[in-house]
Amino acid sequence: MKMRLLFILTSSLLLIALTFILYSCTCSRCDEQENSEIPLEILRKADSFVISKTGEEFFRKYITPNYSKSKFLNPNYLIVYNFYMPEKSFVNNQIRFSVDSTGNVLTDSEIFGIPECNLNPFSCDFIIDEITARQIATEYGLEKGIKDWDAGFIWDAKYNRYVWHIISTLEETRTETSEGKKARGKEIIIDPTSGEVIARNDWRIF
């Protein structure tokens, strides 16, 4: 009997603790939202726009509003989201776009970082990680350069998609000017879903 009472008491305490934690997290998110410059009805319209691109399940799982970076830019609003996939930690980016005072998206302004999962579900299956991207760059002959390659999983506005961007530096010279350096090298752009090499380019900083 005593053991049963102890079990009930322990279970009750655990339930209370869990409820407190969940409530605290919810309140923290509520506080962020309340302190945001973005009205709730504007944010809901923005959510709907992103969901129309990604699908609701993907949105709820990986995309969250960034209240601190979203702001009112009279007469419009800049809307910013965090896009993070815990199981693929290299996917840690931002989504941003602008809406007018009624929440309509300004399509003539930058729309950055929204993956088109609804249009092409395969495009959101980022199976190429950094190690594999570097291997692909090596296989395609990207020069080793004078220092370690820079590699980034980024949104490429030219291709309107996420890519792996691998940069090789071939020459680099420090200068006395405000720009700080001159450099040149090669870059390779890789599709993170298929491993296809999208482009190879030269780059230069004067």
C-alpha atoms as a PDB file:
ATOM      1  CA  MET A   1       0.000   0.000   0.000  1.00  0.00           C
ATOM      2  CA  LYS A   2       2.831   2.366   0.948  1.00  0.00           C
ATOM      3  CA  MET A   3       4.635   1.566  -2.302  1.00  0.00           C
ATOM      4  CA  ARG A   4       1.488   2.336  -4.286  1.00  0.00           C
ATOM      5  CA  LEU A   5       1.050   5.683  -2.521  1.00  0.00           C
ATOM      6  CA  LEU A   6       4.724   6.508  -3.131  1.00  0.00           C
ATOM      7  CA  PHE A   7       4.321   5.666  -6.832  1.00  0.00           C
ATOM      8  CA  ILE A   8       1.225   7.885  -7.123  1.00  0.00           C
ATOM      9  CA  LEU A   9       2.976  10.752  -5.320  1.00  0.00           C
ATOM     10  CA  THR A  10       6.087  10.467  -7.518  1.00  0.00           C
ATOM     11  CA  SER A  11       3.993  10.358 -10.709  1.00  0.00           C
ATOM     12  CA  SER A  12       2.034  13.423  -9.592  1.00  0.00           C
ATOM     13  CA  LEU A  13       5.214  15.372  -8.888  1.00  0.00           C
ATOM     14  CA  LEU A  14       6.650  14.454 -12.293  1.00  0.00           C
ATOM     15  CA  LEU A  15       3.409  15.539 -13.993  1.00  0.00           C
ATOM     16  CA  ILE A  16       3.456  18.868 -12.152  1.00  0.00           C
ATOM     17  CA  ALA A  17       7.108  19.451 -13.099  1.00  0.00           C
ATOM     18  CA  LEU A  18       6.435  18.625 -16.760  1.00  0.00           C
ATOM     19  CA  THR A  19       3.420  20.934 -16.821  1.00  0.00           C
ATOM     20  CA  PHE A  20       5.508  23.739 -15.329  1.00  0.00           C
ATOM     21  CA  ILE A  21       8.243  23.287 -17.951  1.00  0.00           C
ATOM     22  CA  LEU A  22       5.787  23.256 -20.845  1.00  0.00           C
ATOM     23  CA  TYR A  23       3.943  26.268 -19.443  1.00  0.00           C
ATOM     24  CA  SER A  24       7.218  28.158 -19.005  1.00  0.00           C
ATOM     25  CA  CYS A  25       8.239  27.482 -22.609  1.00  0.00           C
ATOM     26  CA  THR A  26       4.823  28.539 -23.869  1.00  0.00           C
ATOM     27  CA  CYS A  27       4.909  31.708 -21.801  1.00  0.00           C
ATOM     28  CA  SER A  28       8.388  32.532 -23.091  1.00  0.00           C
ATOM     29  CA  ARG A  29       7.141  32.234 -26.694  1.00  0.00           C
ATOM     30  CA  CYS A  30       4.078  34.337 -25.768  1.00  0.00           C
ATOM     31  CA  ASP A  31       6.291  37.031 -24.258  1.00  0.00           C
ATOM     32  CA  GLU A  32       8.389  37.156 -27.413  1.00  0.00           C
ATOM     33  CA  GLN A  33       5.269  37.482 -29.532  1.00  0.00           C
ATOM     34  CA  GLU A  34       3.754  40.150 -27.293  1.00  0.00           C
ATOM     35  CA  ASN A  35       6.960  42.201 -27.451  1.00  0.00           C
ATOM     36  CA  SER A  36       7.206  41.853 -31.227  1.00  0.00           C
ATOM     37  CA  GLU A  37       6.596  44.794 -33.551  1.00  0.00           C
ATOM     38  CA  ILE A  38       4.519  42.523 -35.789  1.00  0.00           C
ATOM     39  CA  PRO A  39       0.723  42.397 -35.179  1.00  0.00           C
ATOM     40  CA  LEU A  40      -0.658  38.881 -34.805  1.00  0.00           C
ATOM     41  CA  GLU A  41      -2.895  39.143 -37.882  1.00  0.00           C
ATOM     42  CA  ILE A  42       0.122  40.186 -39.998  1.00  0.00           C
ATOM     43  CA  LEU A  43       2.161  37.261 -38.681  1.00  0.00           C
ATOM     44  CA  ARG A  44      -0.659  34.823 -39.440  1.00  0.00           C
ATOM     45  CA  LYS A  45      -0.772  35.998 -43.041  1.00  0.00           C
ATOM     46  CA  ALA A  46       3.002  35.679 -43.255  1.00  0.00           C
ATOM     47  CA  ASP A  47       2.782  32.132 -41.857  1.00  0.00           C
ATOM     48  CA  SER A  48       0.206  31.256 -44.511  1.00  0.00           C
ATOM     49  CA  PHE A  49       2.476  32.549 -47.253  1.00  0.00           C
ATOM     50  CA  VAL A  50       5.410  30.416 -46.099  1.00  0.00           C
ATOM     51  CA  ILE A  51       3.147  27.379 -45.634  1.00  0.00           C
ATOM     52  CA  SER A  52       1.924  27.787 -49.222  1.00  0.00           C
ATOM     53  CA  LYS A  53       5.537  27.161 -50.270  1.00  0.00           C
ATOM     54  CA  THR A  54       6.709  24.581 -47.750  1.00  0.00           C
ATOM     55  CA  GLY A  55       3.569  22.765 -46.668  1.00  0.00           C
ATOM     56  CA  GLU A  56       2.188  22.966 -43.130  1.00  0.00           C
ATOM     57  CA  GLU A  57       3.938  19.897 -41.696  1.00  0.00           C
ATOM     58  CA  PHE A  58       7.378  21.089 -42.832  1.00  0.00           C
ATOM     59  CA  PHE A  59       6.645  24.600 -41.572  1.00  0.00           C
ATOM     60  CA  ARG A  60       5.517  23.493 -38.109  1.00  0.00           C
ATOM     61  CA  LYS A  61       8.503  21.179 -37.747  1.00  0.00           C
ATOM     62  CA  TYR A  62      11.376  23.358 -38.932  1.00  0.00           C
ATOM     63  CA  ILE A  63      10.384  27.028 -39.237  1.00  0.00           C
ATOM     64  CA  THR A  64       9.818  29.464 -36.360  1.00  0.00           C
ATOM     65  CA  PRO A  65       9.282  33.245 -36.266  1.00  0.00           C
ATOM     66  CA  ASN A  66      12.289  35.334 -35.343  1.00  0.00           C
ATOM     67  CA  TYR A  67      10.554  38.045 -33.337  1.00  0.00           C
ATOM     68  CA  SER A  68      13.733  39.974 -32.530  1.00  0.00           C
ATOM     69  CA  LYS A  69      14.661  40.494 -36.195  1.00  0.00           C
ATOM     70  CA  SER A  70      11.154  41.014 -37.574  1.00  0.00           C
ATOM     71  CA  LYS A  71      10.323  44.707 -37.493  1.00  0.00           C
ATOM     72  CA  PHE A  72       8.075  47.517 -38.606  1.00  0.00           C
ATOM     73  CA  LEU A  73       9.641  49.525 -41.431  1.00  0.00           C
ATOM     74  CA  ASN A  74       7.027  52.188 -42.005  1.00  0.00           C
ATOM     75  CA  PRO A  75       4.711  51.584 -43.804  1.00  0.00           C
ATOM     76  CA  ASN A  76       5.670  47.908 -44.251  1.00  0.00           C
ATOM     77  CA  TYR A  77       6.890  45.002 -42.136  1.00  0.00           C
ATOM     78  CA  LEU A  78      10.038  42.908 -42.462  1.00  0.00           C
ATOM     79  CA  ILE A  79       9.209  39.304 -41.537  1.00  0.00           C
ATOM     80  CA  VAL A  80      12.027  36.982 -40.483  1.00  0.00           C
ATOM     81  CA  TYR A  81      11.918  33.266 -39.624  1.00  0.00           C
ATOM     82  CA  ASN A  82      14.525  30.799 -38.441  1.00  0.00           C
ATOM     83  CA  PHE A  83      14.836  27.682 -40.586  1.00  0.00           C
ATOM     84  CA  TYR A  84      16.568  24.871 -38.700  1.00  0.00           C
ATOM     85  CA  MET A  85      16.539  21.089 -39.127  1.00  0.00           C
ATOM     86  CA  PRO A  86      17.906  19.421 -35.949  1.00  0.00           C
ATOM     87  CA  GLU A  87      18.625  16.143 -37.742  1.00  0.00           C
ATOM     88  CA  LYS A  88      20.617  18.040 -40.396  1.00  0.00           C
ATOM     89  CA  SER A  89      22.358  20.703 -38.333  1.00  0.00           C
ATOM     90  CA  PHE A  90      23.975  22.313 -41.387  1.00  0.00           C
ATOM     91  CA  VAL A  91      20.475  23.547 -42.269  1.00  0.00           C
ATOM     92  CA  ASN A  92      20.466  26.609 -40.041  1.00  0.00           C
ATOM     93  CA  ASN A  93      19.329  29.589 -42.075  1.00  0.00           C
ATOM     94  CA  GLN A  94      16.893  32.475 -42.173  1.00  0.00           C
ATOM     95  CA  ILE A  95      13.810  33.237 -44.213  1.00  0.00           C
ATOM     96  CA  ARG A  96      12.869  36.863 -44.798  1.00  0.00           C
ATOM     97  CA  PHE A  97      10.465  38.909 -46.869  1.00  0.00           C
ATOM     98  CA  SER A  98       8.393  42.072 -46.588  1.00  0.00           C
ATOM     99  CA  VAL A  99       4.647  42.600 -46.332  1.00  0.00           C
ATOM    100  CA  ASP A 100       2.507  45.705 -46.517  1.00  0.00           C
ATOM    101  CA  SER A 101       0.329  47.112 -43.735  1.00  0.00           C
ATOM    102  CA  THR A 102      -2.408  44.573 -44.473  1.00  0.00           C
ATOM    103  CA  GLY A 103      -0.072  41.550 -44.569  1.00  0.00           C
ATOM    104  CA  ASN A 104       0.162  41.147 -48.343  1.00  0.00           C
ATOM    105  CA  VAL A 105       3.596  39.994 -49.500  1.00  0.00           C
ATOM    106  CA  LEU A 106       5.606  42.560 -51.465  1.00  0.00           C
ATOM    107  CA  THR A 107       6.582  40.391 -54.396  1.00  0.00           C
ATOM    108  CA  ASP A 108       8.743  43.116 -55.928  1.00  0.00           C
ATOM    109  CA  SER A 109      10.992  43.008 -52.830  1.00  0.00           C
ATOM    110  CA  GLU A 110      13.410  40.288 -51.764  1.00  0.00           C
ATOM    111  CA  ILE A 111      11.856  36.942 -50.856  1.00  0.00           C
ATOM    112  CA  PHE A 112      14.710  35.018 -49.302  1.00  0.00           C
ATOM    113  CA  GLY A 113      15.185  31.469 -48.096  1.00  0.00           C
ATOM    114  CA  ILE A 114      11.788  29.774 -48.523  1.00  0.00           C
ATOM    115  CA  PRO A 115      12.257  26.216 -49.845  1.00  0.00           C
ATOM    116  CA  GLU A 116       9.660  25.169 -52.429  1.00  0.00           C
ATOM    117  CA  CYS A 117       8.679  21.865 -50.806  1.00  0.00           C
ATOM    118  CA  ASN A 118       5.132  21.908 -52.180  1.00  0.00           C
ATOM    119  CA  LEU A 119       6.305  22.454 -55.731  1.00  0.00           C
ATOM    120  CA  ASN A 120       9.060  19.857 -55.481  1.00  0.00           C
ATOM    121  CA  PRO A 121       9.157  17.790 -52.258  1.00  0.00           C
ATOM    122  CA  PHE A 122      12.511  16.283 -53.239  1.00  0.00           C
ATOM    123  CA  SER A 123      14.056  19.769 -53.147  1.00  0.00           C
ATOM    124  CA  CYS A 124      13.643  19.829 -49.360  1.00  0.00           C
ATOM    125  CA  ASP A 125      15.361  16.484 -48.783  1.00  0.00           C
ATOM    126  CA  PHE A 126      18.863  17.816 -48.160  1.00  0.00           C
ATOM    127  CA  ILE A 127      20.770  14.538 -48.224  1.00  0.00           C
ATOM    128  CA  ILE A 128      24.175  16.017 -49.141  1.00  0.00           C
ATOM    129  CA  ASP A 129      26.048  17.057 -46.000  1.00  0.00           C
ATOM    130  CA  GLU A 130      29.251  19.109 -45.854  1.00  0.00           C
ATOM    131  CA  ILE A 131      31.589  16.107 -45.955  1.00  0.00           C
ATOM    132  CA  THR A 132      29.886  14.773 -49.087  1.00  0.00           C
ATOM    133  CA  ALA A 133      29.817  18.235 -50.690  1.00  0.00           C
ATOM    134  CA  ARG A 134      33.573  18.564 -50.159  1.00  0.00           C
ATOM    135  CA  GLN A 135      34.109  15.108 -51.661  1.00  0.00           C
ATOM    136  CA  ILE A 136      32.100  16.118 -54.730  1.00  0.00           C
ATOM    137  CA  ALA A 137      34.142  19.315 -55.078  1.00  0.00           C
ATOM    138  CA  THR A 138      37.339  17.254 -54.932  1.00  0.00           C
ATOM    139  CA  GLU A 139      36.056  14.809 -57.555  1.00  0.00           C
ATOM    140  CA  TYR A 140      35.215  17.718 -59.861  1.00  0.00           C
ATOM    141  CA  GLY A 141      38.721  19.105 -59.588  1.00  0.00           C
ATOM    142  CA  LEU A 142      38.283  22.166 -57.381  1.00  0.00           C
ATOM    143  CA  GLU A 143      41.803  23.432 -56.704  1.00  0.00           C
ATOM    144  CA  LYS A 144      43.133  22.935 -53.179  1.00  0.00           C
ATOM    145  CA  GLY A 145      44.240  26.569 -52.941  1.00  0.00           C
ATOM    146  CA  ILE A 146      46.398  28.269 -50.319  1.00  0.00           C
ATOM    147  CA  LYS A 147      44.109  27.616 -47.341  1.00  0.00           C
ATOM    148  CA  ASP A 148      41.206  25.429 -46.309  1.00  0.00           C
ATOM    149  CA  TRP A 149      38.101  25.688 -48.442  1.00  0.00           C
ATOM    150  CA  ASP A 150      35.173  27.719 -47.182  1.00  0.00           C
ATOM    151  CA  ALA A 151      31.976  25.672 -47.315  1.00  0.00           C
ATOM    152  CA  GLY A 152      28.472  26.922 -46.660  1.00  0.00           C
ATOM    153  CA  PHE A 153      24.904  25.712 -46.996  1.00  0.00           C
ATOM    154  CA  ILE A 154      23.302  28.920 -48.231  1.00  0.00           C
ATOM    155  CA  TRP A 155      20.350  30.374 -50.097  1.00  0.00           C
ATOM    156  CA  ASP A 156      21.409  31.318 -53.626  1.00  0.00           C
ATOM    157  CA  ALA A 157      19.176  34.084 -54.977  1.00  0.00           C
ATOM    158  CA  LYS A 158      20.364  33.459 -58.538  1.00  0.00           C
ATOM    159  CA  TYR A 159      19.061  29.877 -58.528  1.00  0.00           C
ATOM    160  CA  ASN A 160      16.274  30.565 -56.009  1.00  0.00           C
ATOM    161  CA  ARG A 161      17.236  27.537 -53.953  1.00  0.00           C
ATOM    162  CA  TYR A 162      19.545  26.252 -51.250  1.00  0.00           C
ATOM    163  CA  VAL A 163      22.980  25.117 -52.381  1.00  0.00           C
ATOM    164  CA  TRP A 164      26.349  24.036 -51.097  1.00  0.00           C
ATOM    165  CA  HIS A 165      28.854  26.771 -51.904  1.00  0.00           C
ATOM    166  CA  ILE A 166      32.509  25.650 -51.787  1.00  0.00           C
ATOM    167  CA  ILE A 167      35.191  28.330 -52.205  1.00  0.00           C
ATOM    168  CA  SER A 168      38.873  27.799 -52.978  1.00  0.00           C
ATOM    169  CA  THR A 169      41.317  30.702 -52.511  1.00  0.00           C
ATOM    170  CA  LEU A 170      44.213  30.629 -54.986  1.00  0.00           C
ATOM    171  CA  GLU A 171      45.825  33.993 -54.219  1.00  0.00           C
ATOM    172  CA  GLU A 172      45.454  36.491 -51.396  1.00  0.00           C
ATOM    173  CA  THR A 173      47.318  39.739 -50.790  1.00  0.00           C
ATOM    174  CA  ARG A 174      46.878  42.109 -47.890  1.00  0.00           C
ATOM    175  CA  THR A 175      46.718  45.798 -48.787  1.00  0.00           C
ATOM    176  CA  GLU A 176      46.940  49.105 -46.944  1.00  0.00           C
ATOM    177  CA  THR A 177      43.580  50.278 -48.295  1.00  0.00           C
ATOM    178  CA  SER A 178      40.257  50.183 -46.470  1.00  0.00           C
ATOM    179  CA  GLU A 179      39.244  47.038 -48.387  1.00  0.00           C
ATOM    180  CA  GLY A 180      41.916  45.059 -46.580  1.00  0.00           C
ATOM    181  CA  LYS A 181      42.906  42.513 -49.213  1.00  0.00           C
ATOM    182  CA  LYS A 182      42.969  41.396 -52.809  1.00  0.00           C
ATOM    183  CA  ALA A 183      42.161  37.794 -53.584  1.00  0.00           C
ATOM    184  CA  ARG A 184      41.039  35.437 -56.286  1.00  0.00           C
ATOM    185  CA  GLY A 185      39.993  31.832 -56.561  1.00  0.00           C
ATOM    186  CA  LYS A 186      37.458  29.278 -57.739  1.00  0.00           C
ATOM    187  CA  GLU A 187      34.040  28.260 -56.478  1.00  0.00           C
ATOM    188  CA  ILE A 188      31.756  25.335 -57.044  1.00  0.00           C
ATOM    189  CA  ILE A 189      27.999  25.256 -56.413  1.00  0.00           C
ATOM    190  CA  ILE A 190      26.371  21.915 -55.591  1.00  0.00           C
ATOM    191  CA  ASP A 191      22.745  20.802 -55.388  1.00  0.00           C
ATOM    192  CA  PRO A 192      22.256  19.551 -51.780  1.00  0.00           C
ATOM    193  CA  THR A 193      19.535  17.098 -52.798  1.00  0.00           C
ATOM    194  CA  SER A 194      21.196  15.308 -55.716  1.00  0.00           C
ATOM    195  CA  GLY A 195      24.898  16.178 -55.520  1.00  0.00           C
ATOM    196  CA  GLU A 196      24.783  17.667 -59.013  1.00  0.00           C
ATOM    197  CA  VAL A 197      27.338  20.387 -59.724  1.00  0.00           C
ATOM    198  CA  ILE A 198      25.268  23.393 -60.729  1.00  0.00           C
ATOM    199  CA  ALA A 199      28.105  25.772 -61.572  1.00  0.00           C
ATOM    200  CA  ARG A 200      31.845  26.392 -61.415  1.00  0.00           C
ATOM    201  CA  ASN A 201      33.046  29.982 -61.378  1.00  0.00           C
ATOM    202  CA  ASP A 202      36.031  32.226 -60.860  1.00  0.00           C
ATOM    203  CA  TRP A 203      35.822  34.846 -58.147  1.00  0.00           C
ATOM    204  CA  ARG A 204      37.934  37.903 -57.421  1.00  0.00           C
ATOM    205  CA  ILE A 205      38.178  40.646 -54.806  1.00  0.00           C
ATOM    206  CA  PHE A 206      39.936  43.804 -56.011  1.00  0.00           C
END
